[in-house]
Amino acid sequence: MSAPLSADAQKQAAGEAAAQLVQPTMTVGLGSGSTAEAFVRALARRTLAVRAVATSEATATLAASLGFDLLDLNAAGLIDLTVDGADEIGPGLALIKGGGAALLREKLVWEASARRVVIADASKRPGRFGRFPLPIEVVAFGHATTAARIDVTLARLGLAARARLRLRDGQPVRTDGGNLIYDAPCEEIGDPAALAGALKALTGVVEHGLFLDLAERAVIGTDEGVVTFFP
């Protein structure tokens, strides 16, 4: 029996498999995070003539260093394919994203894409959707009052979570757009669509990390190899 693959090896396998979906002349959305980085590097090794749109400043820096022809989203038109990671994958390929604080730009690129593929290691399918704390991006002005209304909304939907301001080294995490991130540890989200709609309706909430009805497939690295799931 072969030894289990590490999470990094699973990510690498998923990234390599997703890179094979890209064809020459495509415009490709490049996701953010460690699994998306594996895809970006694998795609660079294919040396295809593609154009790329990055979902974060970090990804843009990596892609530029690898020689990608980078486009601003405004100039890209319809993106042929976006490949990105996820913090959690649930039933019907409902996703939680935003652990890297790039959820707004990621969702903008996803929604500008004809096809969207999520890649991950096996740990990102925990079985109960909502185990990963849900990231919620809010404007900095009045953010504490926005967080209080988020808590009321969560309670109204039967979720006991309280939104927590994300800190790094004691300071609030800022997104590429200058916003703040609150994380809501819901544990289990029974009605993702209801929660998504309720959060988006709150003034001060810029975006949430629920990506629903967007991914066309999930490419997941496992100990047995790469497995593909469809909604």
C-alpha atoms as a PDB file:
ATOM      1  CA  MET A   1       0.000   0.000   0.000  1.00  0.00           C
ATOM      2  CA  SER A   2       1.374   3.410  -0.973  1.00  0.00           C
ATOM      3  CA  ALA A   3       1.879   6.047   1.688  1.00  0.00           C
ATOM      4  CA  PRO A   4      -0.861   8.693   2.037  1.00  0.00           C
ATOM      5  CA  LEU A   5      -0.216  11.882   0.120  1.00  0.00           C
ATOM      6  CA  SER A   6       0.393  15.043   2.085  1.00  0.00           C
ATOM      7  CA  ALA A   7      -2.022  17.949   1.691  1.00  0.00           C
ATOM      8  CA  ASP A   8       0.630  19.771  -0.355  1.00  0.00           C
ATOM      9  CA  ALA A   9       0.980  16.788  -2.690  1.00  0.00           C
ATOM     10  CA  GLN A  10      -2.801  16.599  -3.078  1.00  0.00           C
ATOM     11  CA  LYS A  11      -2.915  20.306  -3.930  1.00  0.00           C
ATOM     12  CA  GLN A  12      -0.153  19.849  -6.456  1.00  0.00           C
ATOM     13  CA  ALA A  13      -1.985  16.955  -8.105  1.00  0.00           C
ATOM     14  CA  ALA A  14      -5.215  18.953  -8.324  1.00  0.00           C
ATOM     15  CA  GLY A  15      -3.400  21.944  -9.761  1.00  0.00           C
ATOM     16  CA  GLU A  16      -1.664  19.851 -12.392  1.00  0.00           C
ATOM     17  CA  ALA A  17      -4.955  18.230 -13.419  1.00  0.00           C
ATOM     18  CA  ALA A  18      -6.759  21.568 -13.689  1.00  0.00           C
ATOM     19  CA  ALA A  19      -3.950  23.026 -15.805  1.00  0.00           C
ATOM     20  CA  GLN A  20      -4.768  20.400 -18.441  1.00  0.00           C
ATOM     21  CA  LEU A  21      -8.209  22.010 -18.897  1.00  0.00           C
ATOM     22  CA  VAL A  22      -6.641  25.161 -20.331  1.00  0.00           C
ATOM     23  CA  GLN A  23      -6.337  25.524 -24.100  1.00  0.00           C
ATOM     24  CA  PRO A  24      -4.209  27.971 -26.130  1.00  0.00           C
ATOM     25  CA  THR A  25      -5.629  31.485 -26.668  1.00  0.00           C
ATOM     26  CA  MET A  26      -7.929  31.213 -23.626  1.00  0.00           C
ATOM     27  CA  THR A  27      -8.397  34.023 -21.158  1.00  0.00           C
ATOM     28  CA  VAL A  28      -7.909  32.366 -17.767  1.00  0.00           C
ATOM     29  CA  GLY A  29      -8.846  33.537 -14.285  1.00  0.00           C
ATOM     30  CA  LEU A  30      -6.086  32.764 -11.796  1.00  0.00           C
ATOM     31  CA  GLY A  31      -7.286  32.082  -8.269  1.00  0.00           C
ATOM     32  CA  SER A  32      -5.661  32.907  -4.952  1.00  0.00           C
ATOM     33  CA  GLY A  33      -4.235  30.772  -2.172  1.00  0.00           C
ATOM     34  CA  SER A  34      -1.875  27.828  -1.941  1.00  0.00           C
ATOM     35  CA  THR A  35      -3.891  25.411  -4.096  1.00  0.00           C
ATOM     36  CA  ALA A  36      -4.455  28.048  -6.780  1.00  0.00           C
ATOM     37  CA  GLU A  37      -0.728  28.742  -6.703  1.00  0.00           C
ATOM     38  CA  ALA A  38      -0.109  25.103  -7.597  1.00  0.00           C
ATOM     39  CA  PHE A  39      -2.390  25.573 -10.605  1.00  0.00           C
ATOM     40  CA  VAL A  40      -0.702  28.813 -11.678  1.00  0.00           C
ATOM     41  CA  ARG A  41       2.727  27.211 -11.557  1.00  0.00           C
ATOM     42  CA  ALA A  42       1.506  24.112 -13.390  1.00  0.00           C
ATOM     43  CA  LEU A  43      -0.081  26.261 -16.090  1.00  0.00           C
ATOM     44  CA  ALA A  44       3.113  28.286 -16.485  1.00  0.00           C
ATOM     45  CA  ARG A  45       5.024  25.069 -17.133  1.00  0.00           C
ATOM     46  CA  ARG A  46       2.717  24.331 -20.091  1.00  0.00           C
ATOM     47  CA  THR A  47       3.909  27.563 -21.787  1.00  0.00           C
ATOM     48  CA  LEU A  48       0.593  28.113 -23.563  1.00  0.00           C
ATOM     49  CA  ALA A  49      -0.313  31.378 -25.276  1.00  0.00           C
ATOM     50  CA  VAL A  50      -3.000  32.484 -22.823  1.00  0.00           C
ATOM     51  CA  ARG A  51      -4.069  35.738 -21.231  1.00  0.00           C
ATOM     52  CA  ALA A  52      -4.734  35.860 -17.514  1.00  0.00           C
ATOM     53  CA  VAL A  53      -6.745  37.805 -14.953  1.00  0.00           C
ATOM     54  CA  ALA A  54      -5.553  37.594 -11.346  1.00  0.00           C
ATOM     55  CA  THR A  55      -7.912  37.502  -8.370  1.00  0.00           C
ATOM     56  CA  SER A  56      -5.495  39.174  -5.940  1.00  0.00           C
ATOM     57  CA  GLU A  57      -2.367  41.285  -5.838  1.00  0.00           C
ATOM     58  CA  ALA A  58      -0.415  38.285  -4.561  1.00  0.00           C
ATOM     59  CA  THR A  59      -1.505  36.169  -7.514  1.00  0.00           C
ATOM     60  CA  ALA A  60      -0.759  39.007  -9.930  1.00  0.00           C
ATOM     61  CA  THR A  61       2.782  39.264  -8.561  1.00  0.00           C
ATOM     62  CA  LEU A  62       3.308  35.511  -8.902  1.00  0.00           C
ATOM     63  CA  ALA A  63       1.838  35.401 -12.403  1.00  0.00           C
ATOM     64  CA  ALA A  64       3.970  38.317 -13.584  1.00  0.00           C
ATOM     65  CA  SER A  65       7.087  36.581 -12.282  1.00  0.00           C
ATOM     66  CA  LEU A  66       6.140  33.491 -14.299  1.00  0.00           C
ATOM     67  CA  GLY A  67       5.687  35.444 -17.521  1.00  0.00           C
ATOM     68  CA  PHE A  68       1.894  35.500 -17.849  1.00  0.00           C
ATOM     69  CA  ASP A  69       0.229  38.099 -20.067  1.00  0.00           C
ATOM     70  CA  LEU A  70      -1.894  39.793 -17.398  1.00  0.00           C
ATOM     71  CA  LEU A  71      -5.087  41.721 -18.086  1.00  0.00           C
ATOM     72  CA  ASP A  72      -7.135  44.011 -15.900  1.00  0.00           C
ATOM     73  CA  LEU A  73     -10.647  42.633 -15.387  1.00  0.00           C
ATOM     74  CA  ASN A  74     -12.077  45.717 -17.128  1.00  0.00           C
ATOM     75  CA  ALA A  75     -10.204  44.832 -20.324  1.00  0.00           C
ATOM     76  CA  ALA A  76     -10.646  41.077 -20.219  1.00  0.00           C
ATOM     77  CA  GLY A  77     -14.180  40.674 -21.546  1.00  0.00           C
ATOM     78  CA  LEU A  78     -15.605  37.219 -20.964  1.00  0.00           C
ATOM     79  CA  ILE A  79     -13.087  34.987 -19.179  1.00  0.00           C
ATOM     80  CA  ASP A  80     -13.055  31.489 -20.672  1.00  0.00           C
ATOM     81  CA  LEU A  81     -12.103  29.582 -17.531  1.00  0.00           C
ATOM     82  CA  THR A  82     -11.317  30.430 -13.920  1.00  0.00           C
ATOM     83  CA  VAL A  83      -9.568  27.954 -11.641  1.00  0.00           C
ATOM     84  CA  ASP A  84      -9.455  28.727  -7.934  1.00  0.00           C
ATOM     85  CA  GLY A  85      -9.232  27.027  -4.571  1.00  0.00           C
ATOM     86  CA  ALA A  86     -11.756  26.898  -1.741  1.00  0.00           C
ATOM     87  CA  ASP A  87     -11.674  26.707   2.025  1.00  0.00           C
ATOM     88  CA  GLU A  88     -14.596  24.271   2.054  1.00  0.00           C
ATOM     89  CA  ILE A  89     -16.645  22.391  -0.527  1.00  0.00           C
ATOM     90  CA  GLY A  90     -20.193  21.363   0.308  1.00  0.00           C
ATOM     91  CA  PRO A  91     -23.152  19.655  -1.367  1.00  0.00           C
ATOM     92  CA  GLY A  92     -23.859  20.798  -4.916  1.00  0.00           C
ATOM     93  CA  LEU A  93     -20.382  22.378  -4.960  1.00  0.00           C
ATOM     94  CA  ALA A  94     -21.455  25.128  -2.608  1.00  0.00           C
ATOM     95  CA  LEU A  95     -18.201  26.765  -1.538  1.00  0.00           C
ATOM     96  CA  ILE A  96     -16.802  28.807   1.301  1.00  0.00           C
ATOM     97  CA  LYS A  97     -13.966  31.060   0.182  1.00  0.00           C
ATOM     98  CA  GLY A  98     -12.158  34.024   1.621  1.00  0.00           C
ATOM     99  CA  GLY A  99      -9.619  32.524   3.986  1.00  0.00           C
ATOM    100  CA  GLY A 100      -7.009  34.539   2.126  1.00  0.00           C
ATOM    101  CA  ALA A 101      -9.124  37.727   2.246  1.00  0.00           C
ATOM    102  CA  ALA A 102      -9.497  37.873  -1.564  1.00  0.00           C
ATOM    103  CA  LEU A 103     -13.177  36.895  -1.745  1.00  0.00           C
ATOM    104  CA  LEU A 104     -14.481  40.070  -3.424  1.00  0.00           C
ATOM    105  CA  ARG A 105     -12.006  40.023  -6.294  1.00  0.00           C
ATOM    106  CA  GLU A 106     -12.360  36.265  -6.571  1.00  0.00           C
ATOM    107  CA  LYS A 107     -16.129  36.485  -6.916  1.00  0.00           C
ATOM    108  CA  LEU A 108     -15.874  39.313  -9.461  1.00  0.00           C
ATOM    109  CA  VAL A 109     -13.602  37.149 -11.609  1.00  0.00           C
ATOM    110  CA  TRP A 110     -15.724  34.033 -11.108  1.00  0.00           C
ATOM    111  CA  GLU A 111     -18.890  35.825 -12.183  1.00  0.00           C
ATOM    112  CA  ALA A 112     -17.128  37.184 -15.289  1.00  0.00           C
ATOM    113  CA  SER A 113     -16.193  33.642 -16.365  1.00  0.00           C
ATOM    114  CA  ALA A 114     -17.902  31.212 -18.710  1.00  0.00           C
ATOM    115  CA  ARG A 115     -16.527  28.222 -16.767  1.00  0.00           C
ATOM    116  CA  ARG A 116     -15.365  27.928 -13.155  1.00  0.00           C
ATOM    117  CA  VAL A 117     -13.430  25.043 -11.643  1.00  0.00           C
ATOM    118  CA  VAL A 118     -12.583  24.688  -7.962  1.00  0.00           C
ATOM    119  CA  ILE A 119      -9.492  22.744  -6.913  1.00  0.00           C
ATOM    120  CA  ALA A 120      -8.650  21.460  -3.454  1.00  0.00           C
ATOM    121  CA  ASP A 121      -7.090  18.779  -1.317  1.00  0.00           C
ATOM    122  CA  ALA A 122      -9.284  16.116   0.278  1.00  0.00           C
ATOM    123  CA  SER A 123      -9.591  17.953   3.619  1.00  0.00           C
ATOM    124  CA  LYS A 124     -11.751  20.652   2.015  1.00  0.00           C
ATOM    125  CA  ARG A 125     -14.772  18.289   1.907  1.00  0.00           C
ATOM    126  CA  PRO A 126     -15.423  17.835   5.650  1.00  0.00           C
ATOM    127  CA  GLY A 127     -18.942  16.424   5.289  1.00  0.00           C
ATOM    128  CA  ARG A 128     -20.806  19.115   7.214  1.00  0.00           C
ATOM    129  CA  PHE A 129     -20.997  22.406   5.339  1.00  0.00           C
ATOM    130  CA  GLY A 130     -20.026  25.396   7.432  1.00  0.00           C
ATOM    131  CA  ARG A 131     -17.169  24.051   9.503  1.00  0.00           C
ATOM    132  CA  PHE A 132     -14.838  26.701   8.066  1.00  0.00           C
ATOM    133  CA  PRO A 133     -15.685  30.129   9.543  1.00  0.00           C
ATOM    134  CA  LEU A 134     -17.535  32.165   6.923  1.00  0.00           C
ATOM    135  CA  PRO A 135     -15.573  35.246   5.803  1.00  0.00           C
ATOM    136  CA  ILE A 136     -17.610  38.431   5.407  1.00  0.00           C
ATOM    137  CA  GLU A 137     -15.999  41.516   3.857  1.00  0.00           C
ATOM    138  CA  VAL A 138     -17.231  44.846   5.233  1.00  0.00           C
ATOM    139  CA  VAL A 139     -16.363  48.502   4.724  1.00  0.00           C
ATOM    140  CA  ALA A 140     -14.143  49.891   7.456  1.00  0.00           C
ATOM    141  CA  PHE A 141     -16.424  52.822   8.301  1.00  0.00           C
ATOM    142  CA  GLY A 142     -18.777  51.766  11.090  1.00  0.00           C
ATOM    143  CA  HIS A 143     -17.621  48.163  10.853  1.00  0.00           C
ATOM    144  CA  ALA A 144     -18.537  47.341  14.467  1.00  0.00           C
ATOM    145  CA  THR A 145     -22.136  48.377  13.868  1.00  0.00           C
ATOM    146  CA  THR A 146     -22.178  46.312  10.684  1.00  0.00           C
ATOM    147  CA  ALA A 147     -20.873  43.339  12.668  1.00  0.00           C
ATOM    148  CA  ALA A 148     -23.670  43.759  15.204  1.00  0.00           C
ATOM    149  CA  ARG A 149     -26.241  43.594  12.395  1.00  0.00           C
ATOM    150  CA  ILE A 150     -24.494  40.543  10.989  1.00  0.00           C
ATOM    151  CA  ASP A 151     -24.909  38.853  14.384  1.00  0.00           C
ATOM    152  CA  VAL A 152     -28.629  39.693  14.423  1.00  0.00           C
ATOM    153  CA  THR A 153     -28.988  38.231  10.939  1.00  0.00           C
ATOM    154  CA  LEU A 154     -27.147  35.044  11.899  1.00  0.00           C
ATOM    155  CA  ALA A 155     -29.362  34.618  14.967  1.00  0.00           C
ATOM    156  CA  ARG A 156     -32.512  35.180  12.910  1.00  0.00           C
ATOM    157  CA  LEU A 157     -31.432  32.291  10.680  1.00  0.00           C
ATOM    158  CA  GLY A 158     -30.818  30.012  13.673  1.00  0.00           C
ATOM    159  CA  LEU A 159     -27.041  30.303  13.671  1.00  0.00           C
ATOM    160  CA  ALA A 160     -25.374  30.847  17.030  1.00  0.00           C
ATOM    161  CA  ALA A 161     -22.197  32.304  15.518  1.00  0.00           C
ATOM    162  CA  ARG A 162     -20.898  35.766  16.326  1.00  0.00           C
ATOM    163  CA  ALA A 163     -18.820  37.572  13.717  1.00  0.00           C
ATOM    164  CA  ARG A 164     -15.210  38.158  14.760  1.00  0.00           C
ATOM    165  CA  LEU A 165     -12.923  40.789  13.285  1.00  0.00           C
ATOM    166  CA  ARG A 166      -9.986  39.080  11.602  1.00  0.00           C
ATOM    167  CA  LEU A 167      -6.665  40.223  13.051  1.00  0.00           C
ATOM    168  CA  ARG A 168      -3.063  39.625  12.086  1.00  0.00           C
ATOM    169  CA  ASP A 169      -0.307  40.597  14.520  1.00  0.00           C
ATOM    170  CA  GLY A 170      -2.941  42.433  16.535  1.00  0.00           C
ATOM    171  CA  GLN A 171      -4.090  44.571  13.615  1.00  0.00           C
ATOM    172  CA  PRO A 172      -7.225  44.234  11.455  1.00  0.00           C
ATOM    173  CA  VAL A 173      -6.623  42.391   8.195  1.00  0.00           C
ATOM    174  CA  ARG A 174      -7.156  44.658   5.184  1.00  0.00           C
ATOM    175  CA  THR A 175      -8.246  43.304   1.819  1.00  0.00           C
ATOM    176  CA  ASP A 176      -6.688  44.444  -1.468  1.00  0.00           C
ATOM    177  CA  GLY A 177      -9.601  46.893  -1.678  1.00  0.00           C
ATOM    178  CA  GLY A 178      -8.973  48.306   1.807  1.00  0.00           C
ATOM    179  CA  ASN A 179     -11.950  46.612   3.475  1.00  0.00           C
ATOM    180  CA  LEU A 180     -12.062  44.512   6.651  1.00  0.00           C
ATOM    181  CA  ILE A 181     -12.900  40.842   7.161  1.00  0.00           C
ATOM    182  CA  TYR A 182     -15.183  39.377   9.811  1.00  0.00           C
ATOM    183  CA  ASP A 183     -15.349  35.606  10.265  1.00  0.00           C
ATOM    184  CA  ALA A 184     -18.532  33.852  11.404  1.00  0.00           C
ATOM    185  CA  PRO A 185     -17.963  30.326  12.822  1.00  0.00           C
ATOM    186  CA  CYS A 186     -21.339  28.893  11.829  1.00  0.00           C
ATOM    187  CA  GLU A 187     -20.334  25.205  12.268  1.00  0.00           C
ATOM    188  CA  GLU A 188     -23.175  24.109   9.972  1.00  0.00           C
ATOM    189  CA  ILE A 189     -25.071  26.122   7.366  1.00  0.00           C
ATOM    190  CA  GLY A 190     -28.374  24.457   6.585  1.00  0.00           C
ATOM    191  CA  ASP A 191     -29.625  27.018   4.046  1.00  0.00           C
ATOM    192  CA  PRO A 192     -26.654  28.661   2.317  1.00  0.00           C
ATOM    193  CA  ALA A 193     -28.842  30.551  -0.164  1.00  0.00           C
ATOM    194  CA  ALA A 194     -30.895  32.187   2.596  1.00  0.00           C
ATOM    195  CA  LEU A 195     -27.761  33.195   4.468  1.00  0.00           C
ATOM    196  CA  ALA A 196     -26.124  34.556   1.318  1.00  0.00           C
ATOM    197  CA  GLY A 197     -29.132  36.699   0.490  1.00  0.00           C
ATOM    198  CA  ALA A 198     -29.534  38.004   4.030  1.00  0.00           C
ATOM    199  CA  LEU A 199     -25.881  39.019   4.340  1.00  0.00           C
ATOM    200  CA  LYS A 200     -25.782  40.700   0.934  1.00  0.00           C
ATOM    201  CA  ALA A 201     -28.795  42.810   1.915  1.00  0.00           C
ATOM    202  CA  LEU A 202     -26.954  44.392   4.871  1.00  0.00           C
ATOM    203  CA  THR A 203     -25.588  47.882   4.315  1.00  0.00           C
ATOM    204  CA  GLY A 204     -21.864  47.814   5.036  1.00  0.00           C
ATOM    205  CA  VAL A 205     -21.397  44.228   3.859  1.00  0.00           C
ATOM    206  CA  VAL A 206     -19.392  44.305   0.648  1.00  0.00           C
ATOM    207  CA  GLU A 207     -19.365  40.555  -0.035  1.00  0.00           C
ATOM    208  CA  HIS A 208     -19.524  37.181   1.710  1.00  0.00           C
ATOM    209  CA  GLY A 209     -17.577  33.995   1.155  1.00  0.00           C
ATOM    210  CA  LEU A 210     -20.480  31.814   0.017  1.00  0.00           C
ATOM    211  CA  PHE A 211     -19.943  30.897  -3.641  1.00  0.00           C
ATOM    212  CA  LEU A 212     -23.167  29.208  -4.705  1.00  0.00           C
ATOM    213  CA  ASP A 213     -24.168  27.791  -8.102  1.00  0.00           C
ATOM    214  CA  LEU A 214     -20.871  28.901  -9.611  1.00  0.00           C
ATOM    215  CA  ALA A 215     -18.461  25.949  -9.824  1.00  0.00           C
ATOM    216  CA  GLU A 216     -19.019  23.577 -12.746  1.00  0.00           C
ATOM    217  CA  ARG A 217     -16.736  20.940 -11.257  1.00  0.00           C
ATOM    218  CA  ALA A 218     -14.370  20.256  -8.379  1.00  0.00           C
ATOM    219  CA  VAL A 219     -10.970  18.719  -9.011  1.00  0.00           C
ATOM    220  CA  ILE A 220      -9.754  17.244  -5.741  1.00  0.00           C
ATOM    221  CA  GLY A 221      -6.461  15.607  -4.911  1.00  0.00           C
ATOM    222  CA  THR A 222      -6.822  12.520  -2.704  1.00  0.00           C
ATOM    223  CA  ASP A 223      -4.685   9.617  -1.534  1.00  0.00           C
ATOM    224  CA  GLU A 224      -6.135   7.591  -4.421  1.00  0.00           C
ATOM    225  CA  GLY A 225      -5.368  10.260  -7.030  1.00  0.00           C
ATOM    226  CA  VAL A 226      -7.340  13.135  -8.512  1.00  0.00           C
ATOM    227  CA  VAL A 227     -11.125  12.850  -8.304  1.00  0.00           C
ATOM    228  CA  THR A 228     -13.586  15.078 -10.175  1.00  0.00           C
ATOM    229  CA  PHE A 229     -16.990  15.998  -8.751  1.00  0.00           C
ATOM    230  CA  PHE A 230     -19.892  17.747 -10.479  1.00  0.00           C
ATOM    231  CA  PRO A 231     -22.852  19.574  -8.900  1.00  0.00           C
END
